[in-house]
Amino acid sequence: MFNSWTLKVRDFGKISKADIRVTPFMMLVGENNSGKSYILELLWGVFKNLNSLFKNQFDEDRDFIDLCSKLNEKIKNSVTYDIWEQDSITTIDINEEQQKKLMEILNRSLKKEKDWLVKEIFNHSMEIGSLEILRDMFYNLKVEISMQNILSTEIVKKDGADEGQEVSVSKKAFFFQLLLYDPNEKEEEDLFLYVADTNNAIVEGAARAVMLRIATMLVCRGFSDSRSLMLSRKSSRKRSVQLETPVYFPASRTGFMHTYQSIISNQNQIFKEMLKNSELIKLFGQNSATNPALRLTAPVNDFLEKLSDIYIDEDQQTRYAEELSFLKQKIFNGTITKDQAQDIQFVPEQGKGIPLHVTSSLVAELAPLSLFLESQYDPQLLIIEESESHLHVGKQLELVRLFFRLINKGKAIWLTTHSDSFAQQVNNLLTLSRHPQKEKLFSELGYEAADTLSDIASSSCYQFYKSPEGNTIVEEVELGEYGYAIPTFNSVLEKLLNETVKIQDFGDKDD
């Protein structure tokens, strides 16, 4: 069961209206300068800044305080003699009304902070009329509470001794697990673990931690999952759930790949010098994400910073070995790697490694995809502008296969495209996904089951239209029997075909 919700945007830049229902595979199409990148960057920014939205609003919101208080009472009533002495387990259901209330609280925060959020994302003040996240389906959730023994380390100082000695001590602690039951899969998914000792102050923090985890999960599950939050046995300090930010692959990746090290180096140096000026510290803030030295949007800056710190993770290489092999054999005809100086190189199938700046633009454009797949980051969501850029049509078709394989591996991919061939390959593979004789077609066409989606409902497509007034209206393209009939491509192709026929027949008619 994939996560799905709708981003409702009004009067943002050129976009007058957009209702974007997110799915694991999402394709945005439309004319240049119609606002596709705006929407993708806005979505990235929601994930990136979700904790700040919670921090700015939730602990001051009466409804959130009330939700936590009621859950805390249930927790207290559930911690009985049985769970203490007999290692029993008790559960508390999190119903749909509680989840709806959390979404209402989040949307109040978005309404209040939308201007701040847009400035954080775009490094520039931009007007936005309204911003909401809507969902009509909720999860079957429960909190499971148990008592378990944990080992902790304490310093014991003997009489007359100058220094203490570390000893391991076994103590009882409460374990709070948030579980999601998927009726389709008929199994439970462990979403969250919170551990607290029997100190009342820490136990009371469990309700807040659970509610925050549910709020993040309602937006981020499957796209930007939270890591498990665990509190120290001796601390009741409030902490935020850490989110794994999606990676945004900007347009013009070739240029960024050739210059990112210099950009980051110069940016950091200039920023340090500027922050020595006390007036600038007041203006931008000591920890501000806005860097006056570099006028890039936050997702692009994040991409560059991650590139500068990226390293190869052997576990990720193993996890995505098949996909990396596909990328190597079907698209690159070689391998992306890093040399001892951490410079990116391309190693052809037959030949020695060569620096990235003397490779083809195809290699430079897709090198970051290869690097992030086998990196320490392992982003769940890949947001890619102009995914087919610099690729021959044949390579575009293979890239669609790779994207579907990654989705089957648990990734989500949101992209923009200006290629009718790329979109048609999406349509072909979606049609093949539900074809009654797909096994025979696999054999005849050279495809595999991994090239198709097990659930075609996990895909969506949006057309960005320019109105006569110059604004953009976004509409969902319906998934038909043979995929998406995309007007922005079909109308141009039909016009081109008619012109071709007219030109070719014109002389014949004269004869």
Protein backbone atom coordinates (compact mmCIF):
# COMPACT_ATOMS: atom_id res chain seq x y z
CA MET A 1 0.00 0.00 0.00
CA PHE A 2 1.78 3.11 -1.25
CA ASN A 3 1.39 6.51 0.36
CA SER A 4 -0.66 9.05 -1.55
CA TRP A 5 -1.83 12.56 -0.80
CA THR A 6 -2.59 15.72 -2.78
CA LEU A 7 -0.63 18.96 -2.75
CA LYS A 8 -3.11 21.77 -3.33
CA VAL A 9 -1.48 24.97 -4.59
CA ARG A 10 -3.13 28.23 -5.59
CA ASP A 11 -1.63 31.39 -7.13
CA PHE A 12 2.04 30.45 -6.97
CA GLY A 13 4.25 32.10 -9.58
CA LYS A 14 2.70 31.37 -12.97
CA ILE A 15 0.59 28.58 -11.48
CA SER A 16 -2.97 29.62 -10.76
CA LYS A 17 -4.19 26.14 -9.80
CA ALA A 18 -2.53 22.77 -9.15
CA ASP A 19 -3.79 19.68 -7.33
CA ILE A 20 -0.96 17.15 -7.45
CA ARG A 21 -1.71 13.64 -6.16
CA VAL A 22 1.67 12.14 -5.38
CA THR A 23 2.43 8.52 -6.31
CA PRO A 24 5.66 6.46 -6.45
CA PHE A 25 6.07 7.31 -10.16
CA MET A 26 5.00 10.80 -11.20
CA MET A 27 5.59 12.45 -14.58
CA LEU A 28 5.10 16.20 -15.19
CA VAL A 29 4.76 17.40 -18.77
CA GLY A 30 4.08 20.73 -20.43
CA GLU A 31 5.65 23.63 -22.26
CA ASN A 32 8.84 25.31 -21.11
CA ASN A 33 8.45 27.90 -18.38
CA SER A 34 5.06 26.58 -17.29
CA GLY A 35 5.98 25.89 -13.64
CA LYS A 36 6.90 22.19 -13.55
CA SER A 37 10.16 22.80 -11.70
CA TYR A 38 8.39 25.12 -9.26
CA ILE A 39 6.10 22.29 -8.21
CA LEU A 40 8.89 19.74 -7.86
CA GLU A 41 11.03 22.12 -5.81
CA LEU A 42 8.05 23.02 -3.64
CA LEU A 43 7.42 19.32 -2.96
CA TRP A 44 11.09 18.81 -2.10
CA GLY A 45 10.90 21.74 0.30
CA VAL A 46 7.90 20.30 2.14
CA PHE A 47 9.93 17.20 2.99
CA LYS A 48 13.06 19.18 3.83
CA ASN A 49 11.31 21.63 6.16
CA LEU A 50 8.68 19.39 7.74
CA ASN A 51 10.42 19.31 11.12
CA SER A 52 10.62 23.10 11.18
CA LEU A 53 6.90 23.31 10.43
CA PHE A 54 6.23 21.01 13.37
CA LYS A 55 8.55 22.95 15.64
CA ASN A 56 7.01 26.30 14.71
CA GLN A 57 3.42 25.21 15.21
CA PHE A 58 2.70 21.88 16.87
CA ASP A 59 3.77 22.48 20.46
CA GLU A 60 1.73 25.68 20.53
CA ASP A 61 -1.34 24.12 18.93
CA ARG A 62 -4.13 23.32 21.36
CA ASP A 63 -5.40 20.42 19.26
CA PHE A 64 -1.97 18.82 19.21
CA ILE A 65 -1.57 19.29 22.95
CA ASP A 66 -5.01 17.73 23.41
CA LEU A 67 -4.14 14.74 21.18
CA CYS A 68 -0.96 14.12 23.15
CA SER A 69 -2.75 14.51 26.48
CA LYS A 70 -5.45 11.97 25.57
CA LEU A 71 -2.89 9.47 24.28
CA ASN A 72 -0.82 9.99 27.41
CA GLU A 73 -3.84 9.13 29.56
CA LYS A 74 -4.37 5.92 27.60
CA ILE A 75 -0.70 5.06 28.04
CA LYS A 76 -0.89 5.63 31.79
CA ASN A 77 -4.02 3.48 32.04
CA SER A 78 -2.33 0.75 29.99
CA VAL A 79 0.77 0.52 32.16
CA THR A 80 -0.71 -1.91 34.66
CA TYR A 81 0.63 -4.54 37.03
CA ASP A 82 0.38 -7.15 34.26
CA ILE A 83 2.69 -5.34 31.87
CA TRP A 84 5.09 -4.56 34.70
CA GLU A 85 5.36 -8.02 36.22
CA GLN A 86 4.33 -10.51 33.57
CA ASP A 87 5.98 -9.15 30.39
CA SER A 88 2.59 -8.79 28.71
CA ILE A 89 1.87 -6.52 25.73
CA THR A 90 -0.87 -3.94 25.47
CA THR A 91 -2.00 -1.99 22.40
CA ILE A 92 -3.64 1.36 21.78
CA ASP A 93 -5.38 2.08 18.48
CA ILE A 94 -4.72 5.31 16.60
CA ASN A 95 -7.98 6.00 14.81
CA GLU A 96 -8.82 7.91 11.65
CA GLU A 97 -10.11 10.96 13.52
CA GLN A 98 -6.76 11.40 15.28
CA GLN A 99 -4.93 11.19 11.96
CA LYS A 100 -7.31 13.70 10.37
CA LYS A 101 -6.71 16.07 13.27
CA LEU A 102 -2.95 15.83 12.72
CA MET A 103 -3.41 16.75 9.06
CA GLU A 104 -5.54 19.75 10.09
CA ILE A 105 -2.77 20.90 12.43
CA LEU A 106 -0.16 20.48 9.68
CA ASN A 107 -2.24 22.54 7.26
CA ARG A 108 -2.64 25.30 9.81
CA SER A 109 1.14 25.35 10.03
CA LEU A 110 1.46 25.46 6.23
CA LYS A 111 -1.01 28.34 6.06
CA LYS A 112 0.91 30.28 8.69
CA GLU A 113 4.41 29.52 7.38
CA LYS A 114 3.86 29.29 3.59
CA ASP A 115 5.72 32.52 2.79
CA TRP A 116 8.65 31.50 5.01
CA LEU A 117 8.66 28.04 3.42
CA VAL A 118 8.76 29.40 -0.14
CA LYS A 119 11.63 31.74 0.71
CA GLU A 120 13.58 28.87 2.31
CA ILE A 121 13.15 26.77 -0.82
CA PHE A 122 13.72 29.34 -3.55
CA ASN A 123 16.15 31.68 -1.78
CA HIS A 124 13.81 34.44 -2.87
CA SER A 125 10.50 35.89 -1.66
CA MET A 126 7.63 34.77 -3.88
CA GLU A 127 3.90 35.16 -3.43
CA ILE A 128 1.81 32.05 -2.86
CA GLY A 129 -1.94 32.21 -2.38
CA SER A 130 -2.51 28.97 -0.50
CA LEU A 131 -0.81 25.66 0.21
CA GLU A 132 -2.42 22.52 1.64
CA ILE A 133 -1.82 18.78 1.89
CA LEU A 134 -4.98 16.72 1.56
CA ARG A 135 -5.56 13.00 1.97
CA ASP A 136 -8.72 10.94 2.00
CA MET A 137 -7.29 7.59 3.12
CA PHE A 138 -5.73 6.85 6.47
CA TYR A 139 -3.85 4.00 8.07
CA ASN A 140 -4.68 1.19 10.42
CA LEU A 141 -2.29 2.14 13.23
CA LYS A 142 -1.68 1.00 16.76
CA VAL A 143 0.84 1.61 19.50
CA GLU A 144 2.18 -1.54 21.12
CA ILE A 145 3.55 -1.13 24.66
CA SER A 146 5.75 -3.70 26.31
CA MET A 147 8.21 -3.94 29.18
CA GLN A 148 11.68 -5.24 28.34
CA ASN A 149 15.07 -5.39 29.97
CA ILE A 150 17.79 -3.14 28.58
CA LEU A 151 21.47 -2.91 29.38
CA SER A 152 22.80 0.47 30.42
CA THR A 153 26.21 1.64 31.51
CA GLU A 154 26.76 3.31 34.87
CA ILE A 155 29.83 4.63 36.65
CA VAL A 156 30.34 2.97 40.03
CA LYS A 157 32.89 4.48 42.39
CA LYS A 158 34.16 2.36 45.25
CA ASP A 159 34.98 3.87 48.62
CA GLY A 160 38.39 5.54 48.59
CA ALA A 161 38.80 5.22 44.82
CA ASP A 162 39.71 8.28 42.78
CA GLU A 163 37.98 7.09 39.63
CA GLY A 164 34.79 5.17 38.98
CA GLN A 165 34.42 2.02 36.95
CA GLU A 166 31.96 1.39 34.14
CA VAL A 167 29.56 -1.47 34.83
CA SER A 168 26.64 -2.84 32.83
CA VAL A 169 23.30 -2.75 34.60
CA SER A 170 20.10 -4.47 33.48
CA LYS A 171 16.98 -2.39 33.99
CA LYS A 172 13.39 -2.50 32.88
CA ALA A 173 12.22 -0.06 30.24
CA PHE A 174 9.04 0.67 28.33
CA PHE A 175 9.08 -0.03 24.59
CA PHE A 176 6.58 1.89 22.46
CA GLN A 177 6.24 0.55 18.91
CA LEU A 178 4.08 2.16 16.23
CA LEU A 179 2.70 -0.54 13.94
CA LEU A 180 0.86 -0.24 10.63
CA TYR A 181 -1.37 -3.09 9.47
CA ASP A 182 -1.72 -3.45 5.70
CA PRO A 183 -4.92 -5.43 4.93
CA ASN A 184 -3.74 -6.10 1.36
CA GLU A 185 -0.43 -7.59 2.44
CA LYS A 186 -1.95 -8.98 5.67
CA GLU A 187 1.10 -8.03 7.65
CA GLU A 188 2.27 -5.41 10.09
CA GLU A 189 4.96 -2.84 9.39
CA ASP A 190 7.11 -1.60 12.26
CA LEU A 191 7.31 2.17 11.78
CA PHE A 192 8.81 3.50 14.95
CA LEU A 193 10.46 2.54 18.22
CA TYR A 194 10.58 4.75 21.30
CA VAL A 195 12.35 3.51 24.43
CA ALA A 196 11.96 5.09 27.87
CA ASP A 197 12.76 3.98 31.37
CA THR A 198 10.16 4.00 34.10
CA ASN A 199 10.70 7.67 34.93
CA ASN A 200 7.27 9.31 34.58
CA ALA A 201 8.59 12.39 32.78
CA ILE A 202 10.12 10.28 30.05
CA VAL A 203 7.08 8.03 29.71
CA GLU A 204 4.92 11.12 29.24
CA GLY A 205 7.18 12.13 26.33
CA ALA A 206 6.14 8.96 24.50
CA ALA A 207 2.74 10.39 23.53
CA ARG A 208 4.30 13.44 21.86
CA ALA A 209 6.95 11.33 20.12
CA VAL A 210 4.32 8.92 18.76
CA MET A 211 2.06 11.73 17.52
CA LEU A 212 4.95 13.50 15.78
CA ARG A 213 5.96 10.23 14.14
CA ILE A 214 2.43 9.70 12.84
CA ALA A 215 2.30 13.25 11.48
CA THR A 216 5.58 12.80 9.58
CA MET A 217 4.57 9.34 8.40
CA LEU A 218 1.30 10.64 6.90
CA VAL A 219 3.38 12.82 4.56
CA CYS A 220 6.74 11.09 4.27
CA ARG A 221 6.10 7.35 4.27
CA GLY A 222 7.57 5.91 1.08
CA PHE A 223 9.18 9.21 0.07
CA SER A 224 11.26 10.56 2.93
CA ASP A 225 10.94 8.15 5.85
CA SER A 226 11.79 9.08 9.41
CA ARG A 227 14.48 7.26 11.28
CA SER A 228 13.50 5.67 14.58
CA LEU A 229 13.60 8.04 17.51
CA MET A 230 15.06 6.78 20.76
CA LEU A 231 15.38 8.81 23.93
CA SER A 232 18.18 8.39 26.39
CA ARG A 233 17.09 6.60 29.52
CA LYS A 234 18.23 9.59 31.57
CA SER A 235 16.77 12.33 29.38
CA SER A 236 13.28 13.65 28.87
CA ARG A 237 14.49 16.38 26.49
CA LYS A 238 12.27 16.95 23.45
CA ARG A 239 13.81 15.84 20.18
CA SER A 240 12.65 15.92 16.57
CA VAL A 241 12.34 12.92 14.31
CA GLN A 242 15.10 13.04 11.68
CA LEU A 243 13.94 12.93 8.07
CA GLU A 244 15.90 11.64 5.08
CA THR A 245 15.62 14.42 2.48
CA PRO A 246 14.92 13.37 -1.13
CA VAL A 247 17.61 14.14 -3.69
CA TYR A 248 16.74 16.75 -6.29
CA PHE A 249 18.54 16.34 -9.63
CA PRO A 250 18.45 19.79 -11.27
CA ALA A 251 18.48 20.56 -14.97
CA SER A 252 21.89 21.34 -16.52
CA ARG A 253 23.51 18.54 -14.52
CA THR A 254 26.47 18.40 -16.89
CA GLY A 255 27.52 21.92 -15.92
CA PHE A 256 27.07 21.22 -12.22
CA MET A 257 29.04 17.97 -12.42
CA HIS A 258 31.99 19.81 -13.99
CA THR A 259 31.97 22.66 -11.47
CA TYR A 260 30.37 21.50 -8.20
CA GLN A 261 33.65 21.21 -6.27
CA SER A 262 34.67 24.77 -7.14
CA ILE A 263 31.18 26.07 -6.44
CA ILE A 264 31.03 24.52 -2.97
CA SER A 265 34.59 25.55 -2.11
CA ASN A 266 34.08 29.16 -3.18
CA GLN A 267 30.66 29.31 -1.57
CA ASN A 268 31.94 28.17 1.81
CA GLN A 269 34.90 30.53 1.73
CA ILE A 270 32.82 33.57 0.76
CA PHE A 271 30.16 32.69 3.32
CA LYS A 272 32.73 32.47 6.12
CA GLU A 273 34.13 35.86 5.20
CA MET A 274 30.71 37.44 5.02
CA LEU A 275 29.65 36.05 8.38
CA LYS A 276 32.58 37.84 10.01
CA ASN A 277 30.53 40.95 9.43
CA SER A 278 28.17 41.30 12.41
CA GLU A 279 25.56 43.12 10.34
CA LEU A 280 25.34 40.19 7.92
CA ILE A 281 25.02 37.77 10.82
CA LYS A 282 22.01 39.76 11.99
CA LEU A 283 20.61 39.86 8.47
CA PHE A 284 21.02 36.19 7.54
CA GLY A 285 21.43 34.48 10.91
CA GLN A 286 24.35 32.40 12.12
CA ASN A 287 22.69 29.12 11.09
CA SER A 288 20.64 30.34 8.17
CA ALA A 289 20.19 27.99 5.24
CA THR A 290 20.12 31.07 2.99
CA ASN A 291 23.56 31.71 1.59
CA PRO A 292 24.04 35.22 0.21
CA ALA A 293 27.19 34.07 -1.60
CA LEU A 294 25.34 31.74 -3.96
CA ARG A 295 21.96 32.44 -5.54
CA LEU A 296 20.69 28.91 -6.03
CA THR A 297 17.51 27.32 -4.82
CA ALA A 298 17.74 25.13 -1.72
CA PRO A 299 17.23 21.80 -3.55
CA VAL A 300 20.02 22.62 -6.02
CA ASN A 301 22.33 23.70 -3.20
CA ASP A 302 21.49 20.49 -1.33
CA PHE A 303 22.37 18.46 -4.44
CA LEU A 304 25.77 20.14 -4.70
CA GLU A 305 26.56 19.74 -1.00
CA LYS A 306 25.65 16.06 -1.07
CA LEU A 307 27.82 15.55 -4.16
CA SER A 308 30.79 17.08 -2.37
CA ASP A 309 30.40 14.66 0.57
CA ILE A 310 29.31 11.54 -1.30
CA TYR A 311 31.13 8.25 -0.92
CA ILE A 312 30.53 4.71 -2.11
CA ASP A 313 28.74 2.44 0.35
CA GLU A 314 29.37 -1.27 -0.22
CA ASP A 315 25.99 -2.25 1.25
CA GLN A 316 24.22 0.03 -1.24
CA GLN A 317 26.32 -1.35 -4.09
CA THR A 318 25.08 -4.82 -3.16
CA ARG A 319 21.48 -3.72 -2.70
CA TYR A 320 21.30 -2.08 -6.13
CA ALA A 321 23.74 -4.38 -7.92
CA GLU A 322 21.22 -5.37 -10.60
CA GLU A 323 20.15 -1.80 -11.31
CA LEU A 324 23.75 -0.55 -11.40
CA SER A 325 24.62 -3.38 -13.78
CA PHE A 326 21.67 -2.39 -16.00
CA LEU A 327 22.87 1.24 -15.99
CA LYS A 328 26.39 0.11 -16.87
CA GLN A 329 25.46 -2.26 -19.69
CA LYS A 330 22.36 -0.67 -21.26
CA ILE A 331 23.07 3.04 -20.90
CA PHE A 332 26.66 3.93 -19.99
CA ASN A 333 28.58 1.05 -21.57
CA GLY A 334 30.92 1.60 -18.68
CA THR A 335 31.11 2.46 -14.98
CA ILE A 336 31.08 5.64 -12.90
CA THR A 337 33.64 5.56 -10.09
CA LYS A 338 35.84 7.76 -7.92
CA ASP A 339 39.63 7.72 -7.95
CA GLN A 340 41.89 8.01 -4.90
CA ALA A 341 41.62 11.80 -5.00
CA GLN A 342 37.81 11.43 -4.90
CA ASP A 343 37.49 12.79 -8.44
CA ILE A 344 34.71 11.25 -10.51
CA GLN A 345 35.79 9.11 -13.44
CA PHE A 346 34.17 7.14 -16.21
CA VAL A 347 35.63 3.72 -16.96
CA PRO A 348 34.53 2.38 -20.38
CA GLU A 349 33.89 -1.35 -20.76
CA GLN A 350 37.06 -1.55 -22.81
CA GLY A 351 39.59 0.99 -21.61
CA LYS A 352 41.01 2.99 -18.74
CA GLY A 353 39.30 5.55 -16.52
CA ILE A 354 38.91 9.06 -17.91
CA PRO A 355 37.98 12.29 -16.07
CA LEU A 356 34.36 13.36 -16.21
CA HIS A 357 35.10 16.61 -18.07
CA VAL A 358 36.25 14.71 -21.19
CA THR A 359 33.35 12.26 -21.28
CA SER A 360 30.12 12.61 -23.24
CA SER A 361 27.23 14.69 -21.90
CA LEU A 362 25.22 11.47 -21.47
CA VAL A 363 27.75 10.27 -18.88
CA ALA A 364 27.86 13.63 -17.08
CA GLU A 365 24.06 13.91 -16.98
CA LEU A 366 23.50 10.46 -15.46
CA ALA A 367 26.66 10.16 -13.36
CA PRO A 368 24.91 11.60 -10.27
CA LEU A 369 22.15 8.99 -10.54
CA SER A 370 24.77 6.21 -10.48
CA LEU A 371 26.65 7.84 -7.59
CA PHE A 372 23.59 8.33 -5.40
CA LEU A 373 22.36 4.78 -5.98
CA GLU A 374 25.51 3.38 -4.41
CA SER A 375 26.09 6.15 -1.87
CA GLN A 376 25.60 6.47 1.87
CA TYR A 377 22.47 8.59 1.34
CA ASP A 378 20.14 5.97 -0.20
CA PRO A 379 17.33 8.46 -0.87
CA GLN A 380 13.87 6.93 -1.15
CA LEU A 381 12.69 9.66 -3.50
CA LEU A 382 14.55 10.84 -6.60
CA ILE A 383 13.26 14.10 -8.10
CA ILE A 384 14.67 14.55 -11.59
CA GLU A 385 14.34 17.52 -13.92
CA GLU A 386 14.46 16.79 -17.66
CA SER A 387 15.39 13.17 -17.05
CA GLU A 388 16.04 12.42 -20.73
CA SER A 389 18.33 15.41 -21.30
CA HIS A 390 21.30 14.70 -23.66
CA LEU A 391 20.16 11.10 -24.25
CA HIS A 392 19.66 9.47 -27.63
CA VAL A 393 16.13 8.13 -28.09
CA GLY A 394 17.30 4.53 -27.60
CA LYS A 395 18.92 5.42 -24.28
CA GLN A 396 15.75 7.23 -23.20
CA LEU A 397 13.78 4.02 -23.60
CA GLU A 398 16.30 2.13 -21.48
CA LEU A 399 16.16 4.85 -18.83
CA VAL A 400 12.41 4.30 -18.40
CA ARG A 401 13.11 0.61 -17.81
CA LEU A 402 15.69 1.53 -15.17
CA PHE A 403 13.24 3.87 -13.42
CA PHE A 404 10.55 1.19 -13.25
CA ARG A 405 13.11 -1.29 -11.89
CA LEU A 406 14.04 1.19 -9.16
CA ILE A 407 10.38 1.71 -8.26
CA ASN A 408 10.00 -2.05 -7.93
CA LYS A 409 12.98 -1.90 -5.56
CA GLY A 410 11.16 0.57 -3.30
CA LYS A 411 12.25 3.91 -4.76
CA ALA A 412 9.90 6.73 -5.76
CA ILE A 413 10.70 8.81 -8.85
CA TRP A 414 9.17 12.17 -9.78
CA LEU A 415 10.34 13.74 -13.01
CA THR A 416 9.75 16.24 -15.78
CA THR A 417 10.14 15.37 -19.44
CA HIS A 418 9.89 17.09 -22.82
CA SER A 419 10.33 13.84 -24.73
CA ASP A 420 7.40 12.18 -26.47
CA SER A 421 9.54 9.04 -26.94
CA PHE A 422 10.24 8.83 -23.21
CA ALA A 423 6.52 9.27 -22.44
CA GLN A 424 5.55 6.64 -25.02
CA GLN A 425 7.92 4.13 -23.44
CA VAL A 426 6.23 4.84 -20.10
CA ASN A 427 2.91 4.11 -21.80
CA ASN A 428 4.21 0.91 -23.42
CA LEU A 429 5.52 -0.49 -20.15
CA LEU A 430 2.35 0.48 -18.26
CA THR A 431 0.26 -1.26 -20.92
CA LEU A 432 2.56 -4.26 -20.80
CA SER A 433 2.21 -4.32 -17.00
CA ARG A 434 -1.44 -5.37 -17.25
CA HIS A 435 -1.41 -7.15 -20.59
CA PRO A 436 -3.00 -10.64 -20.35
CA GLN A 437 -0.21 -12.13 -22.48
CA LYS A 438 2.69 -10.16 -21.05
CA GLU A 439 4.85 -13.25 -20.49
CA LYS A 440 4.82 -13.99 -24.23
CA LEU A 441 5.51 -10.34 -25.00
CA PHE A 442 8.45 -10.34 -22.58
CA SER A 443 10.04 -13.09 -24.63
CA GLU A 444 9.34 -11.49 -28.03
CA LEU A 445 10.34 -7.91 -27.10
CA GLY A 446 13.23 -8.63 -24.75
CA TYR A 447 11.63 -7.22 -21.61
CA GLU A 448 11.46 -8.68 -18.11
CA ALA A 449 8.90 -8.53 -15.31
CA ALA A 450 11.16 -6.01 -13.52
CA ASP A 451 10.51 -3.55 -16.39
CA THR A 452 6.81 -3.33 -15.51
CA LEU A 453 4.87 -2.11 -12.48
CA SER A 454 2.94 -4.56 -10.33
CA ASP A 455 0.43 -1.79 -9.55
CA ILE A 456 -0.13 0.71 -12.36
CA ALA A 457 -2.12 2.87 -9.94
CA SER A 458 1.26 3.78 -8.43
CA SER A 459 1.88 6.04 -11.45
CA SER A 460 0.43 9.44 -12.31
CA CYS A 461 0.91 12.13 -14.96
CA TYR A 462 0.20 15.87 -14.93
CA GLN A 463 -0.11 18.30 -17.84
CA PHE A 464 0.84 21.96 -17.29
CA TYR A 465 -1.33 24.17 -19.54
CA LYS A 466 -0.71 27.82 -20.29
CA SER A 467 -3.97 29.76 -20.25
CA PRO A 468 -4.66 32.66 -22.68
CA GLU A 469 -4.00 35.00 -19.75
CA GLY A 470 -0.48 33.57 -19.39
CA ASN A 471 -1.10 31.63 -16.18
CA THR A 472 -0.65 27.89 -15.74
CA ILE A 473 -3.35 25.40 -14.84
CA VAL A 474 -2.30 21.87 -13.91
CA GLU A 475 -4.56 18.93 -14.75
CA GLU A 476 -4.11 15.23 -14.14
CA VAL A 477 -3.88 13.14 -17.31
CA GLU A 478 -6.14 10.12 -17.00
CA LEU A 479 -4.54 6.69 -17.27
CA GLY A 480 -6.25 5.01 -20.19
CA GLU A 481 -6.15 1.55 -21.70
CA TYR A 482 -2.85 2.30 -23.43
CA GLY A 483 -1.32 4.72 -20.95
CA TYR A 484 -1.44 8.51 -20.91
CA ALA A 485 -2.75 10.44 -23.92
CA ILE A 486 -0.66 13.58 -23.38
CA PRO A 487 -2.02 16.64 -25.24
CA THR A 488 1.25 18.61 -25.13
CA PHE A 489 2.94 15.91 -27.22
CA ASN A 490 0.03 14.59 -29.28
CA SER A 491 -1.07 17.98 -30.61
CA VAL A 492 2.45 18.88 -31.75
CA LEU A 493 3.04 15.44 -33.30
CA GLU A 494 -0.29 15.63 -35.13
CA LYS A 495 0.60 19.10 -36.44
CA LEU A 496 4.02 17.85 -37.53
CA LEU A 497 2.51 14.84 -39.28
CA ASN A 498 -0.01 16.98 -41.16
CA GLU A 499 2.73 19.36 -42.25
CA THR A 500 4.92 16.45 -43.38
CA VAL A 501 2.12 14.98 -45.49
CA LYS A 502 1.32 18.38 -46.98
CA ILE A 503 4.95 19.11 -47.85
CA GLN A 504 5.57 15.66 -49.33
CA ASP A 505 2.38 15.63 -51.35
CA PHE A 506 2.54 19.25 -52.49
CA GLY A 507 4.84 18.71 -55.48
CA ASP A 508 3.04 15.54 -56.56
CA LYS A 509 -0.26 17.35 -56.77
CA ASP A 510 1.27 20.07 -58.92
CA ASP A 511 2.57 17.40 -61.30
